[in-house]
Amino acid sequence: MSEFAMSDENESPCHYRRALEIVSSKWTVLVFYELESGKKRYSDLKKRVEGVTQKMLTQTLRQLERDGLVVRYVYPTVPPTVEYELTPLGETLIEPMRTLHRWTDSHYDSVLQARRSFDRQNA
């Protein structure tokens, strides 16, 4: 079972927890950044999302499709051409993700400095 997979019966009543599960995966965020500019073929996503395995990309895209954030198009070519695109619901997550990205750009050096200080004090 993937890190995302959860049966509906096991869903937490806390919607915030589920929202965090969606956006806390680095692969989800990286896929979103790639799809922000429009529809992409699976093979292009695989090339552009550095470090993702085929299995993890497939699991991520399936979960995003299940959550209604991505739509999958299959074209009857040989081999089949598969493309993905953000849904209107998925597009609503772009701005919060941009905000998190801006926060990271502005504050990550402070996080690293705090980690070093903590590690020195607790060594």
Protein backbone atom coordinates (compact mmCIF):
# COMPACT_ATOMS: atom_id res chain seq x y z
CA MET A 1 0.00 0.00 0.00
CA SER A 2 1.43 3.41 -0.91
CA GLU A 3 2.09 6.12 1.65
CA PHE A 4 -1.01 7.87 0.26
CA ALA A 5 -3.33 4.91 0.01
CA MET A 6 -6.02 4.89 2.63
CA SER A 7 -9.39 3.34 2.44
CA ASP A 8 -12.28 5.73 2.91
CA GLU A 9 -13.23 3.89 6.10
CA ASN A 10 -9.86 4.79 7.66
CA GLU A 11 -10.01 8.49 6.79
CA SER A 12 -9.35 10.76 9.71
CA PRO A 13 -12.24 13.07 10.58
CA CYS A 14 -9.68 15.86 10.53
CA HIS A 15 -9.69 17.29 7.00
CA TYR A 16 -6.58 19.29 7.78
CA ARG A 17 -4.66 16.07 8.33
CA ARG A 18 -5.69 14.78 4.90
CA ALA A 19 -4.75 18.08 3.29
CA LEU A 20 -1.30 17.79 4.82
CA GLU A 21 -1.00 14.23 3.53
CA ILE A 22 -1.68 15.53 0.02
CA VAL A 23 0.82 18.38 0.00
CA SER A 24 3.52 16.95 2.26
CA SER A 25 4.85 14.57 -0.37
CA LYS A 26 7.80 16.07 -2.20
CA TRP A 27 6.70 14.20 -5.30
CA THR A 28 3.25 15.79 -5.21
CA VAL A 29 4.77 19.25 -4.96
CA LEU A 30 7.24 18.60 -7.78
CA VAL A 31 4.53 17.13 -10.02
CA PHE A 32 2.35 20.17 -9.33
CA TYR A 33 5.16 22.54 -10.32
CA GLU A 34 5.54 20.66 -13.60
CA LEU A 35 1.79 20.60 -14.31
CA GLU A 36 1.32 24.27 -13.42
CA SER A 37 2.32 25.25 -16.97
CA GLY A 38 -0.17 22.84 -18.56
CA LYS A 39 -0.76 19.30 -19.71
CA LYS A 40 2.28 17.02 -19.70
CA ARG A 41 2.99 13.54 -21.00
CA TYR A 42 3.90 10.90 -18.44
CA SER A 43 7.31 10.48 -20.06
CA ASP A 44 8.00 14.22 -19.78
CA LEU A 45 7.05 14.22 -16.10
CA LYS A 46 9.36 11.26 -15.53
CA LYS A 47 12.24 13.18 -17.13
CA ARG A 48 11.56 16.49 -15.41
CA VAL A 49 10.84 15.32 -11.85
CA GLU A 50 14.41 14.58 -10.86
CA GLY A 51 14.94 11.45 -8.81
CA VAL A 52 11.41 10.08 -8.99
CA THR A 53 11.06 6.40 -9.77
CA GLN A 54 8.48 5.18 -12.24
CA LYS A 55 6.66 3.42 -9.38
CA MET A 56 6.53 6.55 -7.18
CA LEU A 57 5.48 8.80 -10.06
CA THR A 58 2.68 6.39 -10.97
CA GLN A 59 1.52 6.15 -7.33
CA THR A 60 1.63 9.93 -6.93
CA LEU A 61 -0.33 10.57 -10.12
CA ARG A 62 -2.93 7.91 -9.26
CA GLN A 63 -3.49 9.41 -5.82
CA LEU A 64 -3.74 12.93 -7.24
CA GLU A 65 -6.24 11.63 -9.78
CA ARG A 66 -8.21 9.90 -7.02
CA ASP A 67 -8.23 13.14 -5.01
CA GLY A 68 -9.61 15.03 -8.01
CA LEU A 69 -6.51 17.20 -8.38
CA VAL A 70 -5.22 15.76 -11.66
CA VAL A 71 -6.97 14.38 -14.72
CA ARG A 72 -5.45 11.60 -16.85
CA TYR A 73 -5.87 11.41 -20.61
CA VAL A 74 -5.09 8.22 -22.54
CA TYR A 75 -4.82 8.43 -26.33
CA PRO A 76 -5.19 5.32 -28.52
CA THR A 77 -1.70 5.32 -30.00
CA VAL A 78 0.85 2.51 -30.04
CA PRO A 79 2.18 2.61 -27.40
CA PRO A 80 -0.61 4.58 -25.66
CA THR A 81 0.11 8.24 -25.05
CA VAL A 82 -0.77 9.31 -21.50
CA GLU A 83 -1.01 12.93 -20.41
CA TYR A 84 -1.84 14.59 -17.10
CA GLU A 85 -3.29 17.97 -16.29
CA LEU A 86 -4.32 19.80 -13.15
CA THR A 87 -8.06 19.97 -12.61
CA PRO A 88 -9.67 23.26 -11.57
CA LEU A 89 -9.52 21.91 -7.99
CA GLY A 90 -5.83 21.12 -8.42
CA GLU A 91 -5.19 24.63 -9.69
CA THR A 92 -6.50 26.01 -6.39
CA LEU A 93 -3.46 24.47 -4.67
CA ILE A 94 -0.92 26.32 -6.81
CA GLU A 95 -1.00 29.57 -4.82
CA PRO A 96 -0.63 27.90 -1.39
CA MET A 97 2.28 25.91 -2.78
CA ARG A 98 3.85 29.12 -4.14
CA THR A 99 3.46 30.67 -0.70
CA LEU A 100 5.25 27.74 0.90
CA HIS A 101 7.98 27.99 -1.74
CA ARG A 102 8.45 31.72 -0.98
CA TRP A 103 8.61 30.96 2.75
CA THR A 104 11.25 28.32 2.09
CA ASP A 105 13.30 30.69 -0.05
CA SER A 106 13.11 33.36 2.65
CA HIS A 107 13.64 31.25 5.76
CA TYR A 108 15.43 28.00 4.96
CA ASP A 109 18.86 29.43 5.82
CA SER A 110 17.47 30.24 9.28
CA VAL A 111 16.21 26.67 9.61
CA LEU A 112 19.65 25.31 8.69
CA GLN A 113 21.30 27.65 11.18
CA ALA A 114 18.89 26.55 13.92
CA ARG A 115 19.62 22.90 13.15
CA ARG A 116 23.38 23.46 13.37
CA SER A 117 22.99 25.28 16.67
CA PHE A 118 20.76 22.55 18.07
CA ASP A 119 23.14 19.82 16.94
CA ARG A 120 26.13 21.61 18.55
CA GLN A 121 24.27 21.98 21.84
CA ASN A 122 23.13 18.36 21.84
CA ALA A 123 26.29 16.69 20.58
